[in-house]
Amino acid sequence: MTSGSGTADSGATALKRAAIAIVIFLVLAGLLFLFGPDDFYPWAKAIHVIAVISWMAGMLYLPRLFVYHAEAETGSVQSETFKVMERRLLRGIINPAMVVAWAFGLWLAWKGHWFSDGWLHAKLAAVIALSAVHGYLSAAVRKFSQDRNEKPARHWRIVNEIPTLLMIVIVILVIVKPF
């Protein structure tokens, strides 16, 4: 077995573990909803916040990996290591966290009857923008994995600030509810 296939095997194992953890988590959340629907709202809020924190952690870290990856020589051990790190971060943390954040966030908005509130419209616009950045970063993971990145490290340093700015806007909208 070469070190490349060992990396692929451990990556597949990590993804399976992440998938199993997500399924267990969703089953437990479903059971909580079925057997204690009146008590589910605060749990849903907690789950939503945990998912958002996980999503944001990944969204802040992935562009930073791109900064270093863009500076690494193509085909080097360092470049190949970044490919594994980026793929695992995206598939194992960022993607599942985004799905859970969206699902529970929409449920909370529906349950709280907030769809007519201006602050929620603005928040949804910011979350859609964050999701678009997520899509851009996902495409970049694919390009890096194929050694087709054309962006310099400086570009990724700038992109790294976008999730932070969107997060600030989203938190202000949720906490302050300015309109």
N, C-alpha and C. Protein backbone atom coordinates (compact mmCIF):
# COMPACT_ATOMS: atom_id res chain seq x y z
N MET A 1 0.84 -1.17 0.00
CA MET A 1 0.00 0.00 0.00
C MET A 1 0.89 1.24 0.00
N THR A 2 0.60 2.16 -0.90
CA THR A 2 1.37 3.40 -0.96
C THR A 2 0.79 4.38 0.04
N SER A 3 1.57 5.40 0.31
CA SER A 3 1.08 6.38 1.26
C SER A 3 -0.13 7.12 0.72
N GLY A 4 -0.24 7.25 -0.61
CA GLY A 4 -1.41 7.90 -1.19
C GLY A 4 -2.68 7.13 -0.94
N SER A 5 -2.63 5.80 -1.11
CA SER A 5 -3.84 5.00 -0.88
C SER A 5 -4.18 4.94 0.60
N GLY A 6 -3.16 4.97 1.46
CA GLY A 6 -3.42 5.01 2.90
C GLY A 6 -4.14 6.28 3.28
N THR A 7 -3.76 7.37 2.65
CA THR A 7 -4.43 8.64 2.90
C THR A 7 -5.87 8.58 2.43
N ALA A 8 -6.09 7.98 1.26
CA ALA A 8 -7.45 7.86 0.73
C ALA A 8 -8.30 6.99 1.65
N ASP A 9 -7.72 5.89 2.15
CA ASP A 9 -8.45 5.00 3.05
C ASP A 9 -8.81 5.71 4.35
N SER A 10 -7.87 6.44 4.92
CA SER A 10 -8.16 7.14 6.17
C SER A 10 -9.15 8.28 5.93
N GLY A 11 -9.09 8.89 4.75
CA GLY A 11 -10.06 9.94 4.41
C GLY A 11 -11.46 9.37 4.29
N ALA A 12 -11.58 8.21 3.66
CA ALA A 12 -12.89 7.55 3.52
C ALA A 12 -13.42 7.15 4.89
N THR A 13 -12.55 6.66 5.75
CA THR A 13 -12.95 6.28 7.10
C THR A 13 -13.44 7.50 7.88
N ALA A 14 -12.72 8.60 7.75
CA ALA A 14 -13.13 9.82 8.44
C ALA A 14 -14.48 10.31 7.94
N LEU A 15 -14.70 10.23 6.64
CA LEU A 15 -15.99 10.65 6.09
C LEU A 15 -17.12 9.74 6.56
N LYS A 16 -16.85 8.44 6.63
CA LYS A 16 -17.87 7.51 7.14
C LYS A 16 -18.21 7.82 8.59
N ARG A 17 -17.19 8.09 9.38
CA ARG A 17 -17.43 8.43 10.79
C ARG A 17 -18.25 9.72 10.90
N ALA A 18 -17.92 10.70 10.08
CA ALA A 18 -18.67 11.96 10.11
C ALA A 18 -20.12 11.72 9.70
N ALA A 19 -20.33 10.90 8.68
CA ALA A 19 -21.69 10.60 8.22
C ALA A 19 -22.47 9.86 9.30
N ILE A 20 -21.84 8.91 9.95
CA ILE A 20 -22.50 8.16 11.03
C ILE A 20 -22.86 9.10 12.18
N ALA A 21 -21.94 9.98 12.53
CA ALA A 21 -22.20 10.94 13.62
C ALA A 21 -23.37 11.85 13.27
N ILE A 22 -23.44 12.29 12.03
CA ILE A 22 -24.54 13.16 11.60
C ILE A 22 -25.86 12.42 11.64
N VAL A 23 -25.86 11.18 11.18
CA VAL A 23 -27.10 10.38 11.21
C VAL A 23 -27.56 10.16 12.65
N ILE A 24 -26.65 9.80 13.53
CA ILE A 24 -27.00 9.61 14.94
C ILE A 24 -27.56 10.91 15.53
N PHE A 25 -26.89 12.00 15.22
CA PHE A 25 -27.32 13.31 15.69
C PHE A 25 -28.73 13.63 15.21
N LEU A 26 -29.00 13.40 13.92
CA LEU A 26 -30.32 13.70 13.38
C LEU A 26 -31.39 12.76 13.95
N VAL A 27 -31.05 11.50 14.17
CA VAL A 27 -32.01 10.57 14.78
C VAL A 27 -32.34 11.02 16.20
N LEU A 28 -31.34 11.40 16.96
CA LEU A 28 -31.58 11.87 18.33
C LEU A 28 -32.43 13.15 18.32
N ALA A 29 -32.12 14.06 17.40
CA ALA A 29 -32.92 15.29 17.29
C ALA A 29 -34.36 14.95 16.92
N GLY A 30 -34.54 14.00 15.99
CA GLY A 30 -35.89 13.58 15.60
C GLY A 30 -36.65 12.96 16.75
N LEU A 31 -35.97 12.12 17.54
CA LEU A 31 -36.61 11.52 18.70
C LEU A 31 -37.00 12.58 19.72
N LEU A 32 -36.13 13.53 19.93
CA LEU A 32 -36.42 14.62 20.85
C LEU A 32 -37.65 15.39 20.38
N PHE A 33 -37.74 15.62 19.08
CA PHE A 33 -38.89 16.33 18.52
C PHE A 33 -40.17 15.52 18.67
N LEU A 34 -40.09 14.21 18.42
CA LEU A 34 -41.28 13.36 18.50
C LEU A 34 -41.79 13.19 19.93
N PHE A 35 -40.87 13.00 20.87
CA PHE A 35 -41.29 12.68 22.23
C PHE A 35 -41.38 13.89 23.16
N GLY A 36 -40.88 15.02 22.70
CA GLY A 36 -40.97 16.23 23.53
C GLY A 36 -41.11 17.46 22.67
N PRO A 37 -42.13 17.51 21.82
CA PRO A 37 -42.24 18.64 20.89
C PRO A 37 -42.32 20.01 21.57
N ASP A 38 -42.89 20.05 22.76
CA ASP A 38 -42.98 21.33 23.47
C ASP A 38 -41.62 21.81 23.97
N ASP A 39 -40.73 20.87 24.23
CA ASP A 39 -39.39 21.20 24.72
C ASP A 39 -38.35 21.26 23.60
N PHE A 40 -38.77 21.07 22.36
CA PHE A 40 -37.82 20.97 21.26
C PHE A 40 -37.23 22.32 20.84
N TYR A 41 -37.98 23.39 20.97
CA TYR A 41 -37.52 24.69 20.48
C TYR A 41 -36.15 25.09 21.04
N PRO A 42 -35.94 25.07 22.36
CA PRO A 42 -34.60 25.46 22.85
C PRO A 42 -33.50 24.50 22.38
N TRP A 43 -33.86 23.23 22.22
CA TRP A 43 -32.88 22.27 21.69
C TRP A 43 -32.55 22.59 20.24
N ALA A 44 -33.57 22.94 19.48
CA ALA A 44 -33.34 23.31 18.08
C ALA A 44 -32.46 24.55 17.98
N LYS A 45 -32.68 25.51 18.87
CA LYS A 45 -31.84 26.71 18.91
C LYS A 45 -30.39 26.34 19.21
N ALA A 46 -30.21 25.47 20.20
CA ALA A 46 -28.86 25.05 20.56
C ALA A 46 -28.19 24.32 19.39
N ILE A 47 -28.92 23.44 18.75
CA ILE A 47 -28.37 22.70 17.61
C ILE A 47 -28.01 23.67 16.49
N HIS A 48 -28.88 24.63 16.24
CA HIS A 48 -28.62 25.63 15.20
C HIS A 48 -27.35 26.42 15.50
N VAL A 49 -27.20 26.87 16.73
CA VAL A 49 -26.01 27.65 17.10
C VAL A 49 -24.75 26.79 16.98
N ILE A 50 -24.80 25.55 17.42
CA ILE A 50 -23.65 24.65 17.29
C ILE A 50 -23.28 24.46 15.82
N ALA A 51 -24.29 24.26 14.98
CA ALA A 51 -24.03 24.08 13.55
C ALA A 51 -23.44 25.34 12.93
N VAL A 52 -23.96 26.50 13.32
CA VAL A 52 -23.43 27.76 12.79
C VAL A 52 -21.98 27.95 13.21
N ILE A 53 -21.68 27.66 14.46
CA ILE A 53 -20.28 27.79 14.93
C ILE A 53 -19.37 26.86 14.14
N SER A 54 -19.81 25.64 13.93
CA SER A 54 -19.00 24.68 13.16
C SER A 54 -18.82 25.14 11.72
N TRP A 55 -19.91 25.61 11.12
CA TRP A 55 -19.85 26.10 9.74
C TRP A 55 -18.88 27.27 9.64
N MET A 56 -19.01 28.22 10.56
CA MET A 56 -18.14 29.40 10.52
C MET A 56 -16.68 29.03 10.78
N ALA A 57 -16.43 28.11 11.69
CA ALA A 57 -15.05 27.70 11.95
C ALA A 57 -14.41 27.19 10.66
N GLY A 58 -15.14 26.35 9.94
CA GLY A 58 -14.62 25.84 8.68
C GLY A 58 -14.48 26.92 7.62
N MET A 59 -15.46 27.82 7.56
CA MET A 59 -15.43 28.88 6.55
C MET A 59 -14.29 29.88 6.81
N LEU A 60 -13.88 29.99 8.06
CA LEU A 60 -12.77 30.87 8.38
C LEU A 60 -11.42 30.17 8.16
N TYR A 61 -11.39 28.85 8.33
CA TYR A 61 -10.14 28.11 8.22
C TYR A 61 -9.80 27.72 6.78
N LEU A 62 -10.80 27.38 5.97
CA LEU A 62 -10.53 26.88 4.62
C LEU A 62 -9.78 27.90 3.76
N PRO A 63 -10.20 29.17 3.70
CA PRO A 63 -9.42 30.12 2.89
C PRO A 63 -7.99 30.31 3.40
N ARG A 64 -7.80 30.15 4.71
CA ARG A 64 -6.45 30.25 5.27
C ARG A 64 -5.60 29.09 4.76
N LEU A 65 -6.20 27.89 4.66
CA LEU A 65 -5.48 26.77 4.05
C LEU A 65 -5.12 27.08 2.60
N PHE A 66 -6.04 27.74 1.89
CA PHE A 66 -5.77 28.10 0.50
C PHE A 66 -4.59 29.06 0.38
N VAL A 67 -4.45 29.97 1.34
CA VAL A 67 -3.31 30.89 1.34
C VAL A 67 -2.01 30.09 1.32
N TYR A 68 -1.91 29.13 2.22
CA TYR A 68 -0.69 28.32 2.31
C TYR A 68 -0.56 27.39 1.11
N HIS A 69 -1.68 26.84 0.65
CA HIS A 69 -1.65 25.92 -0.48
C HIS A 69 -1.21 26.66 -1.75
N ALA A 70 -1.68 27.89 -1.94
CA ALA A 70 -1.30 28.67 -3.12
C ALA A 70 0.20 28.95 -3.14
N GLU A 71 0.81 29.00 -1.96
CA GLU A 71 2.24 29.26 -1.87
C GLU A 71 3.08 27.98 -1.96
N ALA A 72 2.43 26.82 -1.85
CA ALA A 72 3.16 25.54 -1.91
C ALA A 72 3.41 25.17 -3.37
N GLU A 73 4.51 24.49 -3.61
CA GLU A 73 4.84 24.04 -4.96
C GLU A 73 3.92 22.90 -5.37
N THR A 74 3.37 23.00 -6.58
CA THR A 74 2.47 21.97 -7.10
C THR A 74 3.18 20.61 -7.09
N GLY A 75 2.46 19.60 -6.59
CA GLY A 75 3.01 18.25 -6.54
C GLY A 75 3.86 17.96 -5.33
N SER A 76 4.15 18.97 -4.53
CA SER A 76 4.98 18.75 -3.34
C SER A 76 4.18 18.00 -2.28
N VAL A 77 4.89 17.44 -1.31
CA VAL A 77 4.24 16.76 -0.20
C VAL A 77 3.32 17.74 0.53
N GLN A 78 3.78 18.95 0.67
CA GLN A 78 2.98 19.98 1.35
C GLN A 78 1.68 20.23 0.59
N SER A 79 1.76 20.36 -0.72
CA SER A 79 0.57 20.59 -1.54
C SER A 79 -0.40 19.42 -1.43
N GLU A 80 0.09 18.22 -1.45
CA GLU A 80 -0.77 17.03 -1.35
C GLU A 80 -1.42 16.94 0.03
N THR A 81 -0.70 17.37 1.06
CA THR A 81 -1.26 17.38 2.41
C THR A 81 -2.39 18.40 2.49
N PHE A 82 -2.19 19.57 1.91
CA PHE A 82 -3.26 20.58 1.90
C PHE A 82 -4.51 20.06 1.19
N LYS A 83 -4.33 19.31 0.11
CA LYS A 83 -5.48 18.75 -0.61
C LYS A 83 -6.32 17.88 0.31
N VAL A 84 -5.68 17.04 1.08
CA VAL A 84 -6.38 16.15 2.01
C VAL A 84 -7.08 16.98 3.09
N MET A 85 -6.37 17.92 3.66
CA MET A 85 -6.95 18.76 4.72
C MET A 85 -8.16 19.52 4.22
N GLU A 86 -8.06 20.10 3.04
CA GLU A 86 -9.16 20.90 2.47
C GLU A 86 -10.39 20.03 2.20
N ARG A 87 -10.16 18.87 1.59
CA ARG A 87 -11.27 17.97 1.28
C ARG A 87 -11.97 17.49 2.55
N ARG A 88 -11.20 17.09 3.53
CA ARG A 88 -11.79 16.60 4.79
C ARG A 88 -12.55 17.71 5.53
N LEU A 89 -11.97 18.89 5.55
CA LEU A 89 -12.64 20.01 6.21
C LEU A 89 -13.96 20.32 5.53
N LEU A 90 -13.96 20.35 4.20
CA LEU A 90 -15.18 20.67 3.46
C LEU A 90 -16.23 19.59 3.64
N ARG A 91 -15.86 18.35 3.38
CA ARG A 91 -16.84 17.25 3.40
C ARG A 91 -17.24 16.82 4.80
N GLY A 92 -16.30 16.86 5.73
CA GLY A 92 -16.57 16.33 7.06
C GLY A 92 -17.13 17.33 8.05
N ILE A 93 -16.90 18.62 7.80
CA ILE A 93 -17.35 19.63 8.76
C ILE A 93 -18.21 20.70 8.09
N ILE A 94 -17.66 21.38 7.10
CA ILE A 94 -18.34 22.56 6.56
C ILE A 94 -19.67 22.19 5.90
N ASN A 95 -19.68 21.22 5.00
CA ASN A 95 -20.93 20.86 4.31
C ASN A 95 -22.02 20.38 5.27
N PRO A 96 -21.72 19.41 6.15
CA PRO A 96 -22.78 18.97 7.07
C PRO A 96 -23.25 20.09 8.00
N ALA A 97 -22.33 20.92 8.48
CA ALA A 97 -22.71 22.01 9.39
C ALA A 97 -23.62 23.00 8.68
N MET A 98 -23.34 23.29 7.41
CA MET A 98 -24.19 24.22 6.67
C MET A 98 -25.60 23.65 6.52
N VAL A 99 -25.70 22.38 6.18
CA VAL A 99 -27.02 21.75 6.00
C VAL A 99 -27.81 21.80 7.30
N VAL A 100 -27.19 21.46 8.41
CA VAL A 100 -27.87 21.46 9.70
C VAL A 100 -28.25 22.90 10.09
N ALA A 101 -27.34 23.85 9.87
CA ALA A 101 -27.63 25.25 10.19
C ALA A 101 -28.84 25.76 9.40
N TRP A 102 -28.88 25.47 8.11
CA TRP A 102 -30.01 25.88 7.28
C TRP A 102 -31.30 25.21 7.74
N ALA A 103 -31.26 23.89 7.93
CA ALA A 103 -32.48 23.15 8.28
C ALA A 103 -33.07 23.64 9.60
N PHE A 104 -32.24 23.73 10.62
CA PHE A 104 -32.75 24.16 11.92
C PHE A 104 -33.07 25.65 11.93
N GLY A 105 -32.29 26.45 11.20
CA GLY A 105 -32.59 27.88 11.12
C GLY A 105 -33.93 28.16 10.48
N LEU A 106 -34.23 27.47 9.38
CA LEU A 106 -35.53 27.66 8.73
C LEU A 106 -36.66 27.18 9.63
N TRP A 107 -36.44 26.06 10.32
CA TRP A 107 -37.47 25.56 11.23
C TRP A 107 -37.72 26.57 12.35
N LEU A 108 -36.65 27.12 12.91
CA LEU A 108 -36.79 28.12 13.98
C LEU A 108 -37.53 29.35 13.48
N ALA A 109 -37.22 29.80 12.28
CA ALA A 109 -37.90 30.98 11.71
C ALA A 109 -39.38 30.69 11.51
N TRP A 110 -39.68 29.50 11.04
CA TRP A 110 -41.09 29.10 10.84
C TRP A 110 -41.80 29.03 12.19
N LYS A 111 -41.19 28.35 13.14
CA LYS A 111 -41.79 28.18 14.46
C LYS A 111 -41.96 29.52 15.18
N GLY A 112 -41.01 30.43 14.96
CA GLY A 112 -41.08 31.74 15.61
C GLY A 112 -41.93 32.75 14.87
N HIS A 113 -42.50 32.35 13.74
CA HIS A 113 -43.35 33.24 12.93
C HIS A 113 -42.61 34.52 12.52
N TRP A 114 -41.37 34.37 12.09
CA TRP A 114 -40.54 35.54 11.78
C TRP A 114 -40.44 35.84 10.28
N PHE A 115 -41.09 35.06 9.44
CA PHE A 115 -40.91 35.26 8.01
C PHE A 115 -41.43 36.60 7.50
N SER A 116 -42.19 37.31 8.29
CA SER A 116 -42.65 38.64 7.87
C SER A 116 -41.78 39.76 8.45
N ASP A 117 -40.78 39.40 9.24
CA ASP A 117 -39.91 40.39 9.88
C ASP A 117 -38.77 40.80 8.96
N GLY A 118 -38.52 42.11 8.89
CA GLY A 118 -37.46 42.64 8.03
C GLY A 118 -36.08 42.14 8.40
N TRP A 119 -35.81 42.01 9.70
CA TRP A 119 -34.48 41.55 10.11
C TRP A 119 -34.22 40.15 9.59
N LEU A 120 -35.25 39.29 9.54
CA LEU A 120 -35.04 37.93 9.05
C LEU A 120 -34.76 37.95 7.55
N HIS A 121 -35.43 38.81 6.81
CA HIS A 121 -35.17 38.91 5.37
C HIS A 121 -33.72 39.31 5.13
N ALA A 122 -33.25 40.29 5.89
CA ALA A 122 -31.86 40.72 5.76
C ALA A 122 -30.90 39.60 6.17
N LYS A 123 -31.25 38.89 7.25
CA LYS A 123 -30.40 37.79 7.70
C LYS A 123 -30.35 36.70 6.64
N LEU A 124 -31.50 36.36 6.07
CA LEU A 124 -31.53 35.33 5.02
C LEU A 124 -30.68 35.75 3.82
N ALA A 125 -30.72 37.03 3.47
CA ALA A 125 -29.89 37.52 2.37
C ALA A 125 -28.40 37.33 2.70
N ALA A 126 -28.02 37.63 3.94
CA ALA A 126 -26.63 37.46 4.36
C ALA A 126 -26.24 35.98 4.41
N VAL A 127 -27.16 35.12 4.84
CA VAL A 127 -26.87 33.69 4.90
C VAL A 127 -26.79 33.11 3.49
N ILE A 128 -27.60 33.61 2.58
CA ILE A 128 -27.50 33.19 1.17
C ILE A 128 -26.14 33.62 0.61
N ALA A 129 -25.70 34.83 0.95
CA ALA A 129 -24.38 35.29 0.52
C ALA A 129 -23.28 34.39 1.10
N LEU A 130 -23.43 34.02 2.37
CA LEU A 130 -22.46 33.11 3.00
C LEU A 130 -22.47 31.75 2.31
N SER A 131 -23.64 31.30 1.93
CA SER A 131 -23.75 30.03 1.20
C SER A 131 -23.10 30.13 -0.18
N ALA A 132 -23.20 31.30 -0.80
CA ALA A 132 -22.54 31.51 -2.09
C ALA A 132 -21.01 31.46 -1.93
N VAL A 133 -20.51 32.06 -0.84
CA VAL A 133 -19.08 31.98 -0.55
C VAL A 133 -18.69 30.52 -0.33
N HIS A 134 -19.53 29.78 0.37
CA HIS A 134 -19.32 28.35 0.59
C HIS A 134 -19.18 27.64 -0.76
N GLY A 135 -20.08 27.95 -1.69
CA GLY A 135 -20.00 27.34 -3.03
C GLY A 135 -18.71 27.71 -3.74
N TYR A 136 -18.29 28.96 -3.61
CA TYR A 136 -17.03 29.41 -4.22
C TYR A 136 -15.85 28.64 -3.63
N LEU A 137 -15.85 28.47 -2.31
CA LEU A 137 -14.77 27.73 -1.66
C LEU A 137 -14.80 26.26 -2.05
N SER A 138 -15.99 25.70 -2.22
CA SER A 138 -16.11 24.30 -2.65
C SER A 138 -15.51 24.12 -4.04
N ALA A 139 -15.80 25.05 -4.92
CA ALA A 139 -15.21 25.00 -6.27
C ALA A 139 -13.69 25.12 -6.20
N ALA A 140 -13.21 25.95 -5.28
CA ALA A 140 -11.76 26.13 -5.13
C ALA A 140 -11.11 24.84 -4.63
N VAL A 141 -11.79 24.11 -3.74
CA VAL A 141 -11.25 22.83 -3.28
C VAL A 141 -11.06 21.90 -4.47
N ARG A 142 -12.05 21.87 -5.36
CA ARG A 142 -11.93 21.02 -6.56
C ARG A 142 -10.75 21.47 -7.43
N LYS A 143 -10.61 22.78 -7.62
CA LYS A 143 -9.51 23.28 -8.45
C LYS A 143 -8.15 22.96 -7.83
N PHE A 144 -8.04 23.19 -6.54
CA PHE A 144 -6.78 22.86 -5.86
C PHE A 144 -6.48 21.36 -5.97
N SER A 145 -7.52 20.53 -5.84
CA SER A 145 -7.30 19.08 -5.89
C SER A 145 -6.81 18.62 -7.27
N GLN A 146 -7.12 19.43 -8.30
CA GLN A 146 -6.68 19.12 -9.66
C GLN A 146 -5.47 19.97 -10.07
N ASP A 147 -4.86 20.64 -9.11
CA ASP A 147 -3.72 21.53 -9.35
C ASP A 147 -4.04 22.60 -10.39
N ARG A 148 -5.25 23.14 -10.31
CA ARG A 148 -5.69 24.17 -11.26
C ARG A 148 -5.99 25.51 -10.60
N ASN A 149 -5.49 25.74 -9.40
CA ASN A 149 -5.71 27.04 -8.76
C ASN A 149 -4.96 28.11 -9.54
N GLU A 150 -5.65 29.18 -9.86
CA GLU A 150 -5.03 30.29 -10.59
C GLU A 150 -4.96 31.55 -9.74
N LYS A 151 -5.45 31.48 -8.51
CA LYS A 151 -5.50 32.65 -7.64
C LYS A 151 -4.27 32.71 -6.75
N PRO A 152 -3.73 33.92 -6.57
CA PRO A 152 -2.56 34.05 -5.68
C PRO A 152 -2.99 33.99 -4.21
N ALA A 153 -2.02 33.84 -3.35
CA ALA A 153 -2.29 33.79 -1.91
C ALA A 153 -3.00 35.05 -1.44
N ARG A 154 -2.67 36.20 -2.03
CA ARG A 154 -3.30 37.46 -1.64
C ARG A 154 -4.82 37.40 -1.86
N HIS A 155 -5.25 36.80 -2.94
CA HIS A 155 -6.69 36.65 -3.20
C HIS A 155 -7.36 35.90 -2.06
N TRP A 156 -6.73 34.82 -1.63
CA TRP A 156 -7.33 33.99 -0.58
C TRP A 156 -7.30 34.70 0.77
N ARG A 157 -6.31 35.58 0.99
CA ARG A 157 -6.30 36.38 2.21
C ARG A 157 -7.50 37.32 2.24
N ILE A 158 -7.84 37.90 1.10
CA ILE A 158 -8.99 38.80 1.02
C ILE A 158 -10.29 38.00 1.19
N VAL A 159 -10.39 36.87 0.49
CA VAL A 159 -11.59 36.02 0.59
C VAL A 159 -11.80 35.57 2.03
N ASN A 160 -10.73 35.38 2.76
CA ASN A 160 -10.81 34.93 4.15
C ASN A 160 -11.58 35.91 5.02
N GLU A 161 -11.66 37.18 4.63
CA GLU A 161 -12.35 38.19 5.42
C GLU A 161 -13.86 38.20 5.17
N ILE A 162 -14.31 37.70 4.04
CA ILE A 162 -15.72 37.77 3.67
C ILE A 162 -16.62 37.03 4.66
N PRO A 163 -16.32 35.78 5.03
CA PRO A 163 -17.18 35.12 6.02
C PRO A 163 -17.24 35.86 7.35
N THR A 164 -16.14 36.49 7.75
CA THR A 164 -16.14 37.26 8.99
C THR A 164 -17.11 38.42 8.92
N LEU A 165 -17.06 39.16 7.82
CA LEU A 165 -17.95 40.31 7.66
C LEU A 165 -19.41 39.87 7.63
N LEU A 166 -19.70 38.79 6.91
CA LEU A 166 -21.07 38.28 6.86
C LEU A 166 -21.53 37.80 8.24
N MET A 167 -20.64 37.15 8.97
CA MET A 167 -20.98 36.69 10.31
C MET A 167 -21.35 37.87 11.21
N ILE A 168 -20.59 38.95 11.13
CA ILE A 168 -20.88 40.13 11.95
C ILE A 168 -22.27 40.67 11.62
N VAL A 169 -22.57 40.79 10.34
CA VAL A 169 -23.89 41.28 9.92
C VAL A 169 -24.99 40.36 10.44
N ILE A 170 -24.81 39.06 10.28
CA ILE A 170 -25.82 38.09 10.70
C ILE A 170 -26.06 38.16 12.21
N VAL A 171 -25.00 38.19 12.98
CA VAL A 171 -25.15 38.24 14.45
C VAL A 171 -25.85 39.52 14.87
N ILE A 172 -25.50 40.65 14.28
CA ILE A 172 -26.17 41.91 14.62
C ILE A 172 -27.66 41.83 14.28
N LEU A 173 -27.96 41.29 13.11
CA LEU A 173 -29.38 41.18 12.72
C LEU A 173 -30.17 40.29 13.69
N VAL A 174 -29.58 39.19 14.12
CA VAL A 174 -30.28 38.26 15.02
C VAL A 174 -30.43 38.84 16.43
N ILE A 175 -29.39 39.45 16.93
CA ILE A 175 -29.42 39.94 18.31
C ILE A 175 -30.13 41.30 18.43
N VAL A 176 -29.80 42.23 17.56
CA VAL A 176 -30.33 43.60 17.66
C VAL A 176 -31.69 43.70 17.00
N LYS A 177 -31.91 42.94 15.93
CA LYS A 177 -33.17 43.01 15.14
C LYS A 177 -33.49 44.47 14.82
N PRO A 178 -32.62 45.14 14.06
CA PRO A 178 -32.78 46.58 13.84
C PRO A 178 -34.02 46.98 13.04
N PHE A 179 -34.64 46.04 12.34
CA PHE A 179 -35.87 46.37 11.59
C PHE A 179 -36.70 45.13 11.37
